[in-house]
C-alpha atoms as a PDB file:
ATOM      1  CA  GLY A   1     -21.923   6.911 -15.577  1.00  0.00           C
ATOM      2  CA  TYR A   2     -20.700   5.275 -12.446  1.00  0.00           C
ATOM      3  CA  PHE A   3     -17.363   5.563 -10.724  1.00  0.00           C
ATOM      4  CA  TYR A   4     -15.648   2.554  -9.097  1.00  0.00           C
ATOM      5  CA  HIS A   5     -12.237   2.751  -7.470  1.00  0.00           C
ATOM      6  CA  MET A   6     -10.096   0.427  -5.360  1.00  0.00           C
ATOM      7  CA  MET A   7      -7.117   1.901  -3.520  1.00  0.00           C
ATOM      8  CA  ARG A   8      -4.417  -0.055  -1.696  1.00  0.00           C
ATOM      9  CA  GLN A   9      -2.070   1.721   0.734  1.00  0.00           C
ATOM     10  CA  CYS A  10       0.896   0.520   2.738  1.00  0.00           C
ATOM     11  CA  ARG A  11       1.441   2.649   5.829  1.00  0.00           C
ATOM     12  CA  TYR A  12       4.785   2.442   7.572  1.00  0.00           C
ATOM     13  CA  SER A  13       4.920   3.641  11.182  1.00  0.00           C
ATOM     14  CA  SER A  14       8.523   2.550  11.778  1.00  0.00           C
ATOM     15  CA  LYS A  15      11.370   0.720  10.065  1.00  0.00           C
ATOM     16  CA  ASP A  16      10.319  -2.406  11.939  1.00  0.00           C
ATOM     17  CA  LEU A  17       8.388  -4.673   9.550  1.00  0.00           C
ATOM     18  CA  GLN A  18       5.844  -5.283  12.300  1.00  0.00           C
ATOM     19  CA  GLY A  19       4.767  -1.644  12.030  1.00  0.00           C
ATOM     20  CA  ILE A  20       3.385  -2.003   8.499  1.00  0.00           C
ATOM     21  CA  GLU A  21      -0.326  -1.569   7.919  1.00  0.00           C
ATOM     22  CA  LEU A  22      -2.185  -2.442   4.715  1.00  0.00           C
ATOM     23  CA  ILE A  23      -5.414  -0.599   3.957  1.00  0.00           C
ATOM     24  CA  THR A  24      -7.545  -1.482   0.932  1.00  0.00           C
ATOM     25  CA  SER A  25     -10.558   0.742   0.247  1.00  0.00           C
ATOM     26  CA  TYR A  26     -13.390   0.107  -2.212  1.00  0.00           C
ATOM     27  CA  VAL A  27     -15.239   3.208  -3.408  1.00  0.00           C
ATOM     28  CA  PHE A  28     -18.382   3.525  -5.515  1.00  0.00           C
ATOM     29  CA  ASN A  29     -19.549   6.963  -6.660  1.00  0.00           C
ATOM     30  CA  GLN A  30     -17.177   8.721  -4.222  1.00  0.00           C
ATOM     31  CA  ALA A  31     -18.478   6.795  -1.194  1.00  0.00           C
ATOM     32  CA  GLU A  32     -16.261   4.216   0.494  1.00  0.00           C
ATOM     33  CA  TYR A  33     -18.405   1.145   1.062  1.00  0.00           C
ATOM     34  CA  ILE A  34     -15.900  -1.431   2.322  1.00  0.00           C
ATOM     35  CA  ARG A  35     -12.368  -1.399   3.752  1.00  0.00           C
ATOM     36  CA  PHE A  36      -9.780  -3.987   4.708  1.00  0.00           C
ATOM     37  CA  ASN A  37      -7.336  -2.980   7.419  1.00  0.00           C
ATOM     38  CA  SER A  38      -4.550  -5.423   8.305  1.00  0.00           C
ATOM     39  CA  THR A  39      -4.438  -4.100  11.877  1.00  0.00           C
ATOM     40  CA  VAL A  40      -8.107  -4.992  12.328  1.00  0.00           C
ATOM     41  CA  GLY A  41      -7.553  -8.199  10.332  1.00  0.00           C
ATOM     42  CA  LYS A  42     -10.848  -8.192   8.478  1.00  0.00           C
ATOM     43  CA  TYR A  43     -13.120  -6.321   6.072  1.00  0.00           C
ATOM     44  CA  VAL A  44     -15.451  -3.688   7.503  1.00  0.00           C
ATOM     45  CA  GLY A  45     -18.511  -2.422   5.639  1.00  0.00           C
ATOM     46  CA  TYR A  46     -19.701   1.177   5.756  1.00  0.00           C
ATOM     47  CA  THR A  47     -22.926   0.890   3.762  1.00  0.00           C
ATOM     48  CA  GLU A  48     -25.658  -1.741   3.652  1.00  0.00           C
ATOM     49  CA  TYR A  49     -24.053  -3.242   0.543  1.00  0.00           C
ATOM     50  CA  GLY A  50     -20.589  -3.008   2.129  1.00  0.00           C
ATOM     51  CA  VAL A  51     -21.672  -4.756   5.334  1.00  0.00           C
ATOM     52  CA  LYS A  52     -23.104  -7.688   3.342  1.00  0.00           C
ATOM     53  CA  ASN A  53     -19.927  -7.971   1.275  1.00  0.00           C
ATOM     54  CA  ALA A  54     -17.695  -7.691   4.346  1.00  0.00           C
ATOM     55  CA  GLU A  55     -19.510 -10.580   6.013  1.00  0.00           C
ATOM     56  CA  ALA A  56     -19.121 -12.758   2.922  1.00  0.00           C
ATOM     57  CA  TRP A  57     -15.499 -11.764   2.214  1.00  0.00           C
ATOM     58  CA  ASN A  58     -14.457 -12.388   5.832  1.00  0.00           C
ATOM     59  CA  LYS A  59     -15.704 -15.984   5.506  1.00  0.00           C
ATOM     60  CA  GLY A  60     -14.259 -16.633   2.040  1.00  0.00           C
ATOM     61  CA  PRO A  61     -10.884 -16.792   0.302  1.00  0.00           C
ATOM     62  CA  GLU A  62     -10.806 -12.995  -0.110  1.00  0.00           C
ATOM     63  CA  LEU A  63      -9.572 -12.532   3.472  1.00  0.00           C
ATOM     64  CA  ALA A  64      -6.588 -14.865   3.034  1.00  0.00           C
ATOM     65  CA  GLY A  65      -5.786 -13.178  -0.272  1.00  0.00           C
ATOM     66  CA  GLU A  66      -5.758  -9.742   1.322  1.00  0.00           C
ATOM     67  CA  LEU A  67      -3.511 -10.919   4.149  1.00  0.00           C
ATOM     68  CA  GLY A  68      -1.177 -12.287   1.465  1.00  0.00           C
ATOM     69  CA  GLU A  69      -1.043  -8.818  -0.105  1.00  0.00           C
ATOM     70  CA  LEU A  70       0.421  -7.469   3.142  1.00  0.00           C
ATOM     71  CA  GLU A  71       3.361  -9.851   2.748  1.00  0.00           C
ATOM     72  CA  ARG A  72       3.627  -9.666  -1.041  1.00  0.00           C
ATOM     73  CA  VAL A  73       3.322  -5.927  -1.562  1.00  0.00           C
ATOM     74  CA  CYS A  74       3.993  -4.014   1.655  1.00  0.00           C
ATOM     75  CA  LYS A  75       6.713  -6.036   3.355  1.00  0.00           C
ATOM     76  CA  HIS A  76       8.412  -6.918   0.071  1.00  0.00           C
ATOM     77  CA  ASN A  77       8.642  -3.253  -0.979  1.00  0.00           C
ATOM     78  CA  ALA A  78       9.503  -1.833   2.450  1.00  0.00           C
ATOM     79  CA  PRO A  79      13.272  -1.552   1.776  1.00  0.00           C
ATOM     80  CA  ILE A  80      12.554   0.406  -1.427  1.00  0.00           C
ATOM     81  CA  ASP A  81      10.106   2.722   0.330  1.00  0.00           C
ATOM     82  CA  TYR A  82      12.461   3.330   3.275  1.00  0.00           C
ATOM     83  CA  SER A  83      15.373   4.187   0.957  1.00  0.00           C
ATOM     84  CA  ALA A  84      13.382   6.917  -0.838  1.00  0.00           C
END
């Protein structure tokens, strides 16, 4: 069989909400092929397939959706994460 995994991480470098970084990784058969990093502000491909998808996703609605996840998930949950 095949293994597909998507992982989303919020990284907090300080209590300032400007220091939050969202990283979304897409993995197929244990190889990361594409990643979104909110600091970079776009998708980056690591394989031939990933590069093609990154180009398309950076031009489409996927990019705006991922930037919305930074606000919706990371910044919204920051007070909970800082209190733990």
